[in-house]
Amino acid sequence: MMSSLSRDVLWRFAIELMKRGFYVRWHAYEFLIGFGGRLRCLLEVEPHFCRVVVWVFERLEDVGPVLEVVRRFFPNYTMVIRASRRMLEER
């Protein structure tokens, strides 16, 4: 199923994360998100597949608040959470 996604929705999503204290670097459909001086995750919004892929760099617990915002802004999207190699090596 294909979905359209306006730039305004992406902008409001980035602003909401920033209001919650996250560093946000936004380019097209990708969001690099940091907190506490460290990068925490990368989000890839895929509107043509109605999917958000979340690449977690460290601990899943670190991105819980980010996932809440994702669910609020993209309620009909499937969320796929993937672990970075670094995260897997530290376990």
PDB file of N, CA and C in Angstrom:
ATOM      1  N   MET A   1       0.843  -1.176   0.000  1.00  0.00           N
ATOM      2  CA  MET A   1       0.000   0.000   0.000  1.00  0.00           C
ATOM      3  C   MET A   1       0.887   1.237   0.000  1.00  0.00           C
ATOM      4  N   MET A   2       0.563   2.180  -0.839  1.00  0.00           N
ATOM      5  CA  MET A   2       1.351   3.392  -0.949  1.00  0.00           C
ATOM      6  C   MET A   2       0.708   4.509  -0.138  1.00  0.00           C
ATOM      7  N   SER A   3       1.533   5.302   0.503  1.00  0.00           N
ATOM      8  CA  SER A   3       1.047   6.400   1.325  1.00  0.00           C
ATOM      9  C   SER A   3       1.763   7.674   0.934  1.00  0.00           C
ATOM     10  N   SER A   4       1.043   8.774   0.956  1.00  0.00           N
ATOM     11  CA  SER A   4       1.711  10.051   0.732  1.00  0.00           C
ATOM     12  C   SER A   4       2.049  10.646   2.091  1.00  0.00           C
ATOM     13  N   LEU A   5       3.113  11.383   2.127  1.00  0.00           N
ATOM     14  CA  LEU A   5       3.579  11.960   3.378  1.00  0.00           C
ATOM     15  C   LEU A   5       4.074  13.366   3.084  1.00  0.00           C
ATOM     16  N   SER A   6       3.451  14.341   3.712  1.00  0.00           N
ATOM     17  CA  SER A   6       3.818  15.725   3.418  1.00  0.00           C
ATOM     18  C   SER A   6       5.069  16.129   4.191  1.00  0.00           C
ATOM     19  N   ARG A   7       5.745  17.103   3.644  1.00  0.00           N
ATOM     20  CA  ARG A   7       6.919  17.663   4.311  1.00  0.00           C
ATOM     21  C   ARG A   7       6.529  18.252   5.665  1.00  0.00           C
ATOM     22  N   ASP A   8       5.317  18.788   5.755  1.00  0.00           N
ATOM     23  CA  ASP A   8       4.832  19.377   7.000  1.00  0.00           C
ATOM     24  C   ASP A   8       4.796  18.349   8.127  1.00  0.00           C
ATOM     25  N   VAL A   9       4.366  17.128   7.831  1.00  0.00           N
ATOM     26  CA  VAL A   9       4.323  16.069   8.847  1.00  0.00           C
ATOM     27  C   VAL A   9       5.740  15.750   9.312  1.00  0.00           C
ATOM     28  N   LEU A  10       6.673  15.640   8.382  1.00  0.00           N
ATOM     29  CA  LEU A  10       8.056  15.352   8.737  1.00  0.00           C
ATOM     30  C   LEU A  10       8.652  16.486   9.574  1.00  0.00           C
ATOM     31  N   TRP A  11       8.329  17.722   9.211  1.00  0.00           N
ATOM     32  CA  TRP A  11       8.802  18.888   9.954  1.00  0.00           C
ATOM     33  C   TRP A  11       8.266  18.871  11.393  1.00  0.00           C
ATOM     34  N   ARG A  12       6.973  18.616  11.543  1.00  0.00           N
ATOM     35  CA  ARG A  12       6.376  18.574  12.884  1.00  0.00           C
ATOM     36  C   ARG A  12       6.949  17.424  13.710  1.00  0.00           C
ATOM     37  N   PHE A  13       7.242  16.314  13.053  1.00  0.00           N
ATOM     38  CA  PHE A  13       7.864  15.173  13.722  1.00  0.00           C
ATOM     39  C   PHE A  13       9.240  15.573  14.272  1.00  0.00           C
ATOM     40  N   ALA A  14      10.060  16.215  13.448  1.00  0.00           N
ATOM     41  CA  ALA A  14      11.391  16.653  13.874  1.00  0.00           C
ATOM     42  C   ALA A  14      11.302  17.656  15.022  1.00  0.00           C
ATOM     43  N   ILE A  15      10.367  18.595  14.918  1.00  0.00           N
ATOM     44  CA  ILE A  15      10.189  19.602  15.966  1.00  0.00           C
ATOM     45  C   ILE A  15       9.781  18.945  17.285  1.00  0.00           C
ATOM     46  N   GLU A  16       8.898  17.965  17.226  1.00  0.00           N
ATOM     47  CA  GLU A  16       8.460  17.282  18.452  1.00  0.00           C
ATOM     48  C   GLU A  16       9.637  16.581  19.133  1.00  0.00           C
ATOM     49  N   LEU A  17      10.486  15.945  18.355  1.00  0.00           N
ATOM     50  CA  LEU A  17      11.664  15.309  18.941  1.00  0.00           C
ATOM     51  C   LEU A  17      12.584  16.347  19.580  1.00  0.00           C
ATOM     52  N   MET A  18      12.771  17.474  18.911  1.00  0.00           N
ATOM     53  CA  MET A  18      13.620  18.534  19.460  1.00  0.00           C
ATOM     54  C   MET A  18      13.036  19.107  20.748  1.00  0.00           C
ATOM     55  N   LYS A  19      11.720  19.247  20.796  1.00  0.00           N
ATOM     56  CA  LYS A  19      11.067  19.738  22.022  1.00  0.00           C
ATOM     57  C   LYS A  19      11.329  18.801  23.191  1.00  0.00           C
ATOM     58  N   ARG A  20      11.503  17.535  22.903  1.00  0.00           N
ATOM     59  CA  ARG A  20      11.772  16.539  23.954  1.00  0.00           C
ATOM     60  C   ARG A  20      13.260  16.436  24.288  1.00  0.00           C
ATOM     61  N   GLY A  21      14.056  17.307  23.704  1.00  0.00           N
ATOM     62  CA  GLY A  21      15.470  17.372  24.054  1.00  0.00           C
ATOM     63  C   GLY A  21      16.411  16.571  23.171  1.00  0.00           C
ATOM     64  N   PHE A  22      15.916  16.025  22.075  1.00  0.00           N
ATOM     65  CA  PHE A  22      16.762  15.242  21.191  1.00  0.00           C
ATOM     66  C   PHE A  22      17.446  16.124  20.165  1.00  0.00           C
ATOM     67  N   TYR A  23      18.650  15.734  19.786  1.00  0.00           N
ATOM     68  CA  TYR A  23      19.326  16.322  18.636  1.00  0.00           C
ATOM     69  C   TYR A  23      18.728  15.639  17.415  1.00  0.00           C
ATOM     70  N   VAL A  24      18.360  16.419  16.404  1.00  0.00           N
ATOM     71  CA  VAL A  24      17.757  15.836  15.194  1.00  0.00           C
ATOM     72  C   VAL A  24      18.449  16.403  13.965  1.00  0.00           C
ATOM     73  N   ARG A  25      18.956  15.524  13.137  1.00  0.00           N
ATOM     74  CA  ARG A  25      19.507  15.887  11.830  1.00  0.00           C
ATOM     75  C   ARG A  25      18.610  15.228  10.807  1.00  0.00           C
ATOM     76  N   TRP A  26      17.902  16.047  10.028  1.00  0.00           N
ATOM     77  CA  TRP A  26      16.896  15.548   9.102  1.00  0.00           C
ATOM     78  C   TRP A  26      17.351  15.767   7.665  1.00  0.00           C
ATOM     79  N   HIS A  27      17.291  14.723   6.853  1.00  0.00           N
ATOM     80  CA  HIS A  27      17.569  14.839   5.427  1.00  0.00           C
ATOM     81  C   HIS A  27      16.613  13.916   4.681  1.00  0.00           C
ATOM     82  N   ALA A  28      15.763  14.517   3.877  1.00  0.00           N
ATOM     83  CA  ALA A  28      14.763  13.768   3.108  1.00  0.00           C
ATOM     84  C   ALA A  28      13.889  12.937   4.048  1.00  0.00           C
ATOM     85  N   TYR A  29      14.017  11.620   4.004  1.00  0.00           N
ATOM     86  CA  TYR A  29      13.211  10.745   4.863  1.00  0.00           C
ATOM     87  C   TYR A  29      14.037  10.071   5.952  1.00  0.00           C
ATOM     88  N   GLU A  30      15.219  10.619   6.224  1.00  0.00           N
ATOM     89  CA  GLU A  30      16.084  10.048   7.259  1.00  0.00           C
ATOM     90  C   GLU A  30      16.281  11.038   8.395  1.00  0.00           C
ATOM     91  N   PHE A  31      16.270  10.503   9.605  1.00  0.00           N
ATOM     92  CA  PHE A  31      16.457  11.312  10.807  1.00  0.00           C
ATOM     93  C   PHE A  31      17.552  10.674  11.656  1.00  0.00           C
ATOM     94  N   LEU A  32      18.627  11.404  11.867  1.00  0.00           N
ATOM     95  CA  LEU A  32      19.678  10.982  12.772  1.00  0.00           C
ATOM     96  C   LEU A  32      19.366  11.615  14.125  1.00  0.00           C
ATOM     97  N   ILE A  33      19.260  10.797  15.166  1.00  0.00           N
ATOM     98  CA  ILE A  33      18.767  11.284  16.449  1.00  0.00           C
ATOM     99  C   ILE A  33      19.789  11.009  17.547  1.00  0.00           C
ATOM    100  N   GLY A  34      20.072  12.069  18.312  1.00  0.00           N
ATOM    101  CA  GLY A  34      21.021  11.953  19.405  1.00  0.00           C
ATOM    102  C   GLY A  34      20.453  12.502  20.693  1.00  0.00           C
ATOM    103  N   PHE A  35      21.124  12.140  21.781  1.00  0.00           N
ATOM    104  CA  PHE A  35      20.724  12.628  23.105  1.00  0.00           C
ATOM    105  C   PHE A  35      21.920  12.455  24.034  1.00  0.00           C
ATOM    106  N   GLY A  36      22.144  13.437  24.887  1.00  0.00           N
ATOM    107  CA  GLY A  36      23.237  13.333  25.853  1.00  0.00           C
ATOM    108  C   GLY A  36      24.609  13.262  25.208  1.00  0.00           C
ATOM    109  N   GLY A  37      24.774  13.938  24.069  1.00  0.00           N
ATOM    110  CA  GLY A  37      26.068  13.957  23.405  1.00  0.00           C
ATOM    111  C   GLY A  37      26.415  12.712  22.609  1.00  0.00           C
ATOM    112  N   ARG A  38      25.446  11.806  22.447  1.00  0.00           N
ATOM    113  CA  ARG A  38      25.692  10.560  21.705  1.00  0.00           C
ATOM    114  C   ARG A  38      24.580  10.338  20.683  1.00  0.00           C
ATOM    115  N   LEU A  39      24.941   9.733  19.579  1.00  0.00           N
ATOM    116  CA  LEU A  39      23.937   9.363  18.591  1.00  0.00           C
ATOM    117  C   LEU A  39      23.229   8.107  19.084  1.00  0.00           C
ATOM    118  N   ARG A  40      21.897   8.121  19.047  1.00  0.00           N
ATOM    119  CA  ARG A  40      21.119   7.007  19.593  1.00  0.00           C
ATOM    120  C   ARG A  40      20.508   6.109  18.523  1.00  0.00           C
ATOM    121  N   CYS A  41      20.021   6.736  17.420  1.00  0.00           N
ATOM    122  CA  CYS A  41      19.382   5.915  16.386  1.00  0.00           C
ATOM    123  C   CYS A  41      19.285   6.681  15.078  1.00  0.00           C
ATOM    124  N   LEU A  42      18.988   5.943  14.046  1.00  0.00           N
ATOM    125  CA  LEU A  42      18.706   6.486  12.723  1.00  0.00           C
ATOM    126  C   LEU A  42      17.324   5.992  12.333  1.00  0.00           C
ATOM    127  N   LEU A  43      16.471   6.917  11.900  1.00  0.00           N
ATOM    128  CA  LEU A  43      15.128   6.546  11.442  1.00  0.00           C
ATOM    129  C   LEU A  43      15.057   6.712   9.938  1.00  0.00           C
ATOM    130  N   GLU A  44      14.516   5.726   9.264  1.00  0.00           N
ATOM    131  CA  GLU A  44      14.252   5.805   7.829  1.00  0.00           C
ATOM    132  C   GLU A  44      12.745   5.699   7.640  1.00  0.00           C
ATOM    133  N   VAL A  45      12.129   6.774   7.207  1.00  0.00           N
ATOM    134  CA  VAL A  45      10.691   6.763   6.949  1.00  0.00           C
ATOM    135  C   VAL A  45      10.502   6.355   5.487  1.00  0.00           C
ATOM    136  N   GLU A  46       9.731   5.316   5.267  1.00  0.00           N
ATOM    137  CA  GLU A  46       9.512   4.785   3.912  1.00  0.00           C
ATOM    138  C   GLU A  46       8.025   4.874   3.573  1.00  0.00           C
ATOM    139  N   PRO A  47       7.582   6.041   3.100  1.00  0.00           N
ATOM    140  CA  PRO A  47       6.149   6.222   2.874  1.00  0.00           C
ATOM    141  C   PRO A  47       5.563   5.301   1.814  1.00  0.00           C
ATOM    142  N   HIS A  48       6.351   4.870   0.849  1.00  0.00           N
ATOM    143  CA  HIS A  48       5.813   3.982  -0.193  1.00  0.00           C
ATOM    144  C   HIS A  48       5.512   2.586   0.330  1.00  0.00           C
ATOM    145  N   PHE A  49       6.142   2.234   1.459  1.00  0.00           N
ATOM    146  CA  PHE A  49       5.904   0.930   2.076  1.00  0.00           C
ATOM    147  C   PHE A  49       5.157   1.047   3.400  1.00  0.00           C
ATOM    148  N   CYS A  50       4.784   2.278   3.769  1.00  0.00           N
ATOM    149  CA  CYS A  50       4.124   2.535   5.069  1.00  0.00           C
ATOM    150  C   CYS A  50       4.934   1.898   6.201  1.00  0.00           C
ATOM    151  N   ARG A  51       6.226   2.250   6.229  1.00  0.00           N
ATOM    152  CA  ARG A  51       7.138   1.622   7.183  1.00  0.00           C
ATOM    153  C   ARG A  51       8.130   2.648   7.715  1.00  0.00           C
ATOM    154  N   VAL A  52       8.496   2.485   8.987  1.00  0.00           N
ATOM    155  CA  VAL A  52       9.582   3.249   9.604  1.00  0.00           C
ATOM    156  C   VAL A  52      10.598   2.239  10.111  1.00  0.00           C
ATOM    157  N   VAL A  53      11.827   2.353   9.624  1.00  0.00           N
ATOM    158  CA  VAL A  53      12.911   1.475  10.071  1.00  0.00           C
ATOM    159  C   VAL A  53      13.743   2.262  11.081  1.00  0.00           C
ATOM    160  N   VAL A  54      13.942   1.678  12.255  1.00  0.00           N
ATOM    161  CA  VAL A  54      14.697   2.318  13.329  1.00  0.00           C
ATOM    162  C   VAL A  54      15.975   1.518  13.547  1.00  0.00           C
ATOM    163  N   TRP A  55      17.118   2.137  13.247  1.00  0.00           N
ATOM    164  CA  TRP A  55      18.415   1.520  13.502  1.00  0.00           C
ATOM    165  C   TRP A  55      18.893   2.006  14.862  1.00  0.00           C
ATOM    166  N   VAL A  56      18.924   1.115  15.841  1.00  0.00           N
ATOM    167  CA  VAL A  56      19.324   1.464  17.201  1.00  0.00           C
ATOM    168  C   VAL A  56      20.837   1.270  17.323  1.00  0.00           C
ATOM    169  N   PHE A  57      21.531   2.328  17.784  1.00  0.00           N
ATOM    170  CA  PHE A  57      22.990   2.269  17.875  1.00  0.00           C
ATOM    171  C   PHE A  57      23.482   1.679  19.183  1.00  0.00           C
ATOM    172  N   GLU A  58      22.728   1.862  20.251  1.00  0.00           N
ATOM    173  CA  GLU A  58      23.199   1.368  21.540  1.00  0.00           C
ATOM    174  C   GLU A  58      22.114   0.521  22.195  1.00  0.00           C
ATOM    175  N   ARG A  59      21.467   1.039  23.212  1.00  0.00           N
ATOM    176  CA  ARG A  59      20.444   0.268  23.919  1.00  0.00           C
ATOM    177  C   ARG A  59      19.051   0.666  23.438  1.00  0.00           C
ATOM    178  N   LEU A  60      18.180  -0.305  23.313  1.00  0.00           N
ATOM    179  CA  LEU A  60      16.804  -0.045  22.903  1.00  0.00           C
ATOM    180  C   LEU A  60      16.118   0.900  23.886  1.00  0.00           C
ATOM    181  N   GLU A  61      16.460   0.787  25.172  1.00  0.00           N
ATOM    182  CA  GLU A  61      15.854   1.653  26.196  1.00  0.00           C
ATOM    183  C   GLU A  61      16.139   3.128  25.925  1.00  0.00           C
ATOM    184  N   ASP A  62      17.255   3.419  25.266  1.00  0.00           N
ATOM    185  CA  ASP A  62      17.634   4.806  24.986  1.00  0.00           C
ATOM    186  C   ASP A  62      16.701   5.476  23.985  1.00  0.00           C
ATOM    187  N   VAL A  63      15.992   4.685  23.200  1.00  0.00           N
ATOM    188  CA  VAL A  63      15.159   5.265  22.148  1.00  0.00           C
ATOM    189  C   VAL A  63      13.662   5.106  22.421  1.00  0.00           C
ATOM    190  N   GLY A  64      13.296   4.668  23.605  1.00  0.00           N
ATOM    191  CA  GLY A  64      11.883   4.520  23.956  1.00  0.00           C
ATOM    192  C   GLY A  64      11.056   5.772  23.690  1.00  0.00           C
ATOM    193  N   PRO A  65      11.512   6.945  24.157  1.00  0.00           N
ATOM    194  CA  PRO A  65      10.744   8.176  23.888  1.00  0.00           C
ATOM    195  C   PRO A  65      10.633   8.499  22.398  1.00  0.00           C
ATOM    196  N   VAL A  66      11.661   8.150  21.640  1.00  0.00           N
ATOM    197  CA  VAL A  66      11.622   8.375  20.188  1.00  0.00           C
ATOM    198  C   VAL A  66      10.539   7.486  19.571  1.00  0.00           C
ATOM    199  N   LEU A  67      10.470   6.243  20.008  1.00  0.00           N
ATOM    200  CA  LEU A  67       9.478   5.312  19.464  1.00  0.00           C
ATOM    201  C   LEU A  67       8.054   5.773  19.770  1.00  0.00           C
ATOM    202  N   GLU A  68       7.853   6.391  20.927  1.00  0.00           N
ATOM    203  CA  GLU A  68       6.534   6.948  21.260  1.00  0.00           C
ATOM    204  C   GLU A  68       6.126   8.015  20.246  1.00  0.00           C
ATOM    205  N   VAL A  69       7.067   8.881  19.893  1.00  0.00           N
ATOM    206  CA  VAL A  69       6.778   9.948  18.923  1.00  0.00           C
ATOM    207  C   VAL A  69       6.526   9.346  17.543  1.00  0.00           C
ATOM    208  N   VAL A  70       7.288   8.325  17.175  1.00  0.00           N
ATOM    209  CA  VAL A  70       7.077   7.646  15.893  1.00  0.00           C
ATOM    210  C   VAL A  70       5.661   7.093  15.824  1.00  0.00           C
ATOM    211  N   ARG A  71       5.232   6.415  16.883  1.00  0.00           N
ATOM    212  CA  ARG A  71       3.883   5.830  16.899  1.00  0.00           C
ATOM    213  C   ARG A  71       2.805   6.906  16.778  1.00  0.00           C
ATOM    214  N   ARG A  72       3.052   8.059  17.386  1.00  0.00           N
ATOM    215  CA  ARG A  72       2.061   9.137  17.334  1.00  0.00           C
ATOM    216  C   ARG A  72       1.956   9.763  15.938  1.00  0.00           C
ATOM    217  N   PHE A  73       3.079   9.969  15.282  1.00  0.00           N
ATOM    218  CA  PHE A  73       3.077  10.631  13.976  1.00  0.00           C
ATOM    219  C   PHE A  73       2.818   9.680  12.812  1.00  0.00           C
ATOM    220  N   PHE A  74       3.132   8.414  12.991  1.00  0.00           N
ATOM    221  CA  PHE A  74       2.975   7.433  11.917  1.00  0.00           C
ATOM    222  C   PHE A  74       2.190   6.216  12.423  1.00  0.00           C
ATOM    223  N   PRO A  75       0.952   6.427  12.866  1.00  0.00           N
ATOM    224  CA  PRO A  75       0.197   5.339  13.505  1.00  0.00           C
ATOM    225  C   PRO A  75      -0.135   4.172  12.580  1.00  0.00           C
ATOM    226  N   ASN A  76      -0.207   4.406  11.290  1.00  0.00           N
ATOM    227  CA  ASN A  76      -0.558   3.340  10.354  1.00  0.00           C
ATOM    228  C   ASN A  76       0.664   2.709   9.689  1.00  0.00           C
ATOM    229  N   TYR A  77       1.834   3.093  10.151  1.00  0.00           N
ATOM    230  CA  TYR A  77       3.069   2.563   9.579  1.00  0.00           C
ATOM    231  C   TYR A  77       3.552   1.373  10.416  1.00  0.00           C
ATOM    232  N   THR A  78       4.160   0.417   9.743  1.00  0.00           N
ATOM    233  CA  THR A  78       4.838  -0.673  10.419  1.00  0.00           C
ATOM    234  C   THR A  78       6.180  -0.148  10.916  1.00  0.00           C
ATOM    235  N   MET A  79       6.539  -0.488  12.152  1.00  0.00           N
ATOM    236  CA  MET A  79       7.829  -0.085  12.692  1.00  0.00           C
ATOM    237  C   MET A  79       8.733  -1.306  12.743  1.00  0.00           C
ATOM    238  N   VAL A  80       9.885  -1.188  12.105  1.00  0.00           N
ATOM    239  CA  VAL A  80      10.883  -2.258  12.089  1.00  0.00           C
ATOM    240  C   VAL A  80      12.077  -1.757  12.894  1.00  0.00           C
ATOM    241  N   ILE A  81      12.457  -2.491  13.926  1.00  0.00           N
ATOM    242  CA  ILE A  81      13.582  -2.079  14.760  1.00  0.00           C
ATOM    243  C   ILE A  81      14.750  -3.003  14.468  1.00  0.00           C
ATOM    244  N   ARG A  82      15.871  -2.385  14.130  1.00  0.00           N
ATOM    245  CA  ARG A  82      17.077  -3.145  13.802  1.00  0.00           C
ATOM    246  C   ARG A  82      18.206  -2.700  14.714  1.00  0.00           C
ATOM    247  N   ALA A  83      19.036  -3.626  15.083  1.00  0.00           N
ATOM    248  CA  ALA A  83      20.183  -3.329  15.940  1.00  0.00           C
ATOM    249  C   ALA A  83      21.416  -3.110  15.101  1.00  0.00           C
ATOM    250  N   SER A  84      22.220  -2.141  15.491  1.00  0.00           N
ATOM    251  CA  SER A  84      23.484  -1.933  14.801  1.00  0.00           C
ATOM    252  C   SER A  84      24.459  -3.037  15.198  1.00  0.00           C
ATOM    253  N   ARG A  85      25.467  -3.227  14.404  1.00  0.00           N
ATOM    254  CA  ARG A  85      26.480  -4.246  14.694  1.00  0.00           C
ATOM    255  C   ARG A  85      27.127  -3.973  16.052  1.00  0.00           C
ATOM    256  N   ARG A  86      27.365  -2.702  16.347  1.00  0.00           N
ATOM    257  CA  ARG A  86      27.986  -2.326  17.621  1.00  0.00           C
ATOM    258  C   ARG A  86      27.111  -2.765  18.809  1.00  0.00           C
ATOM    259  N   MET A  87      25.808  -2.553  18.666  1.00  0.00           N
ATOM    260  CA  MET A  87      24.900  -2.938  19.730  1.00  0.00           C
ATOM    261  C   MET A  87      24.944  -4.450  19.945  1.00  0.00           C
ATOM    262  N   LEU A  88      24.977  -5.204  18.876  1.00  0.00           N
ATOM    263  CA  LEU A  88      24.999  -6.668  18.988  1.00  0.00           C
ATOM    264  C   LEU A  88      26.318  -7.172  19.570  1.00  0.00           C
ATOM    265  N   GLU A  89      27.421  -6.506  19.219  1.00  0.00           N
ATOM    266  CA  GLU A  89      28.729  -6.927  19.716  1.00  0.00           C
ATOM    267  C   GLU A  89      28.873  -6.691  21.218  1.00  0.00           C
ATOM    268  N   GLU A  90      28.183  -5.683  21.751  1.00  0.00           N
ATOM    269  CA  GLU A  90      28.298  -5.357  23.160  1.00  0.00           C
ATOM    270  C   GLU A  90      27.445  -6.257  24.042  1.00  0.00           C
ATOM    271  N   ARG A  91      26.569  -7.026  23.477  1.00  0.00           N
ATOM    272  CA  ARG A  91      25.692  -7.899  24.273  1.00  0.00           C
ATOM    273  C   ARG A  91      26.357  -9.174  24.651  1.00  0.00           C
TER     274      ARG A  91
END
